[in-house]
Amino acid sequence: MDMEAAQRIDRATWKRYLFYLDLCIIAVFAVSLILLVRHSFLGGQWYERGELQQTTDLLWMIVADAAFLVASLAWIFYRFFRNQYLVMTRKF
């Protein structure tokens, strides 16, 4: 098997891989958004009950959810604006 041929990926395959990656990132965004809302709600309930240890644990969960949310949103914005730039600079 020729190693150069095995290392090259054609444009259509690369676009298909990026499309699947984008779908996974959107799923991560949706799940992290749902978990952020859920953990925020539970943290408020535990704080109202006076359970500060559980509130602290849920605060760290909120931080983790926010980190995944920011990372996935950054990827979505990057892909959106990059694709928009490619469409705008395309010669017809």
C-alpha atoms as a PDB file:
ATOM      1  CA  MET A   1       0.000   0.000   0.000  1.00  0.00           C
ATOM      2  CA  ASP A   2       1.320   3.410  -0.926  1.00  0.00           C
ATOM      3  CA  MET A   3       1.694   5.557   2.217  1.00  0.00           C
ATOM      4  CA  GLU A   4       1.132   8.837   0.366  1.00  0.00           C
ATOM      5  CA  ALA A   5      -2.176   7.625  -1.001  1.00  0.00           C
ATOM      6  CA  ALA A   6      -3.239   6.436   2.451  1.00  0.00           C
ATOM      7  CA  GLN A   7      -2.423   9.792   4.061  1.00  0.00           C
ATOM      8  CA  ARG A   8      -4.354  11.922   1.573  1.00  0.00           C
ATOM      9  CA  ILE A   9      -8.000  12.605   2.220  1.00  0.00           C
ATOM     10  CA  ASP A  10     -10.054  14.027  -0.592  1.00  0.00           C
ATOM     11  CA  ARG A  11     -12.123  17.167  -0.119  1.00  0.00           C
ATOM     12  CA  ALA A  12     -15.531  15.446  -0.066  1.00  0.00           C
ATOM     13  CA  THR A  13     -14.465  12.986   2.628  1.00  0.00           C
ATOM     14  CA  TRP A  14     -12.960  15.787   4.712  1.00  0.00           C
ATOM     15  CA  LYS A  15     -16.194  17.808   4.436  1.00  0.00           C
ATOM     16  CA  ARG A  16     -18.208  14.762   5.464  1.00  0.00           C
ATOM     17  CA  TYR A  17     -15.977  14.220   8.529  1.00  0.00           C
ATOM     18  CA  LEU A  18     -16.344  17.872   9.508  1.00  0.00           C
ATOM     19  CA  PHE A  19     -20.114  17.639   9.077  1.00  0.00           C
ATOM     20  CA  TYR A  20     -20.263  14.684  11.479  1.00  0.00           C
ATOM     21  CA  LEU A  21     -17.988  16.522  13.897  1.00  0.00           C
ATOM     22  CA  ASP A  22     -20.291  19.553  13.711  1.00  0.00           C
ATOM     23  CA  LEU A  23     -23.278  17.362  14.530  1.00  0.00           C
ATOM     24  CA  CYS A  24     -21.457  15.953  17.558  1.00  0.00           C
ATOM     25  CA  ILE A  25     -20.503  19.441  18.727  1.00  0.00           C
ATOM     26  CA  ILE A  26     -24.115  20.620  18.416  1.00  0.00           C
ATOM     27  CA  ALA A  27     -25.185  17.596  20.485  1.00  0.00           C
ATOM     28  CA  VAL A  28     -22.569  18.494  23.133  1.00  0.00           C
ATOM     29  CA  PHE A  29     -23.903  22.063  23.119  1.00  0.00           C
ATOM     30  CA  ALA A  30     -27.502  20.914  23.623  1.00  0.00           C
ATOM     31  CA  VAL A  31     -26.650  18.442  26.390  1.00  0.00           C
ATOM     32  CA  SER A  32     -24.426  20.912  28.243  1.00  0.00           C
ATOM     33  CA  LEU A  33     -27.125  23.588  28.024  1.00  0.00           C
ATOM     34  CA  ILE A  34     -29.719  21.218  29.466  1.00  0.00           C
ATOM     35  CA  LEU A  35     -27.347  20.136  32.242  1.00  0.00           C
ATOM     36  CA  LEU A  36     -26.449  23.756  33.017  1.00  0.00           C
ATOM     37  CA  VAL A  37     -30.110  24.627  33.538  1.00  0.00           C
ATOM     38  CA  ARG A  38     -30.717  21.478  35.576  1.00  0.00           C
ATOM     39  CA  HIS A  39     -27.689  21.954  37.830  1.00  0.00           C
ATOM     40  CA  SER A  40     -28.513  25.632  38.339  1.00  0.00           C
ATOM     41  CA  PHE A  41     -32.048  24.750  39.367  1.00  0.00           C
ATOM     42  CA  LEU A  42     -30.903  22.013  41.746  1.00  0.00           C
ATOM     43  CA  GLY A  43     -28.239  24.308  43.195  1.00  0.00           C
ATOM     44  CA  GLY A  44     -30.907  26.886  43.999  1.00  0.00           C
ATOM     45  CA  GLN A  45     -33.049  24.258  45.679  1.00  0.00           C
ATOM     46  CA  TRP A  46     -30.165  22.966  47.804  1.00  0.00           C
ATOM     47  CA  TYR A  47     -29.152  26.510  48.741  1.00  0.00           C
ATOM     48  CA  GLU A  48     -32.708  27.225  49.861  1.00  0.00           C
ATOM     49  CA  ARG A  49     -32.610  24.143  52.093  1.00  0.00           C
ATOM     50  CA  GLY A  50     -29.307  25.249  53.617  1.00  0.00           C
ATOM     51  CA  GLU A  51     -27.226  22.326  52.309  1.00  0.00           C
ATOM     52  CA  LEU A  52     -24.033  24.169  51.427  1.00  0.00           C
ATOM     53  CA  GLN A  53     -21.914  21.093  50.617  1.00  0.00           C
ATOM     54  CA  GLN A  54     -24.313  19.955  47.883  1.00  0.00           C
ATOM     55  CA  THR A  55     -24.541  23.541  46.651  1.00  0.00           C
ATOM     56  CA  THR A  56     -20.758  23.693  46.322  1.00  0.00           C
ATOM     57  CA  ASP A  57     -20.693  20.403  44.420  1.00  0.00           C
ATOM     58  CA  LEU A  58     -23.383  21.626  42.061  1.00  0.00           C
ATOM     59  CA  LEU A  59     -21.493  24.883  41.552  1.00  0.00           C
ATOM     60  CA  TRP A  60     -18.504  22.907  40.268  1.00  0.00           C
ATOM     61  CA  MET A  61     -20.851  20.980  37.993  1.00  0.00           C
ATOM     62  CA  ILE A  62     -22.168  24.309  36.683  1.00  0.00           C
ATOM     63  CA  VAL A  63     -18.583  25.409  35.974  1.00  0.00           C
ATOM     64  CA  ALA A  64     -17.935  22.187  34.037  1.00  0.00           C
ATOM     65  CA  ASP A  65     -21.192  22.598  32.083  1.00  0.00           C
ATOM     66  CA  ALA A  66     -20.292  26.189  31.268  1.00  0.00           C
ATOM     67  CA  ALA A  67     -16.835  25.126  30.049  1.00  0.00           C
ATOM     68  CA  PHE A  68     -18.336  22.586  27.628  1.00  0.00           C
ATOM     69  CA  LEU A  69     -20.925  25.153  26.577  1.00  0.00           C
ATOM     70  CA  VAL A  70     -18.299  27.811  25.825  1.00  0.00           C
ATOM     71  CA  ALA A  71     -16.046  25.373  23.950  1.00  0.00           C
ATOM     72  CA  SER A  72     -18.856  24.041  21.779  1.00  0.00           C
ATOM     73  CA  LEU A  73     -20.222  27.521  21.110  1.00  0.00           C
ATOM     74  CA  ALA A  74     -16.741  28.710  20.105  1.00  0.00           C
ATOM     75  CA  TRP A  75     -16.488  25.832  17.620  1.00  0.00           C
ATOM     76  CA  ILE A  76     -19.956  26.594  16.218  1.00  0.00           C
ATOM     77  CA  PHE A  77     -19.121  30.297  15.764  1.00  0.00           C
ATOM     78  CA  TYR A  78     -15.751  29.483  14.225  1.00  0.00           C
ATOM     79  CA  ARG A  79     -17.280  27.110  11.680  1.00  0.00           C
ATOM     80  CA  PHE A  80     -20.132  29.509  10.915  1.00  0.00           C
ATOM     81  CA  PHE A  81     -17.933  32.521  10.276  1.00  0.00           C
ATOM     82  CA  ARG A  82     -15.305  30.521   8.388  1.00  0.00           C
ATOM     83  CA  ASN A  83     -17.922  29.033   6.086  1.00  0.00           C
ATOM     84  CA  GLN A  84     -19.528  32.444   5.650  1.00  0.00           C
ATOM     85  CA  TYR A  85     -16.147  33.873   4.673  1.00  0.00           C
ATOM     86  CA  LEU A  86     -15.550  31.078   2.180  1.00  0.00           C
ATOM     87  CA  VAL A  87     -18.950  31.661   0.598  1.00  0.00           C
ATOM     88  CA  MET A  88     -18.432  35.417   0.369  1.00  0.00           C
ATOM     89  CA  THR A  89     -14.959  35.171  -1.185  1.00  0.00           C
ATOM     90  CA  ARG A  90     -15.904  32.479  -3.702  1.00  0.00           C
ATOM     91  CA  LYS A  91     -15.504  33.485  -7.330  1.00  0.00           C
ATOM     92  CA  PHE A  92     -18.481  32.831  -9.546  1.00  0.00           C
END
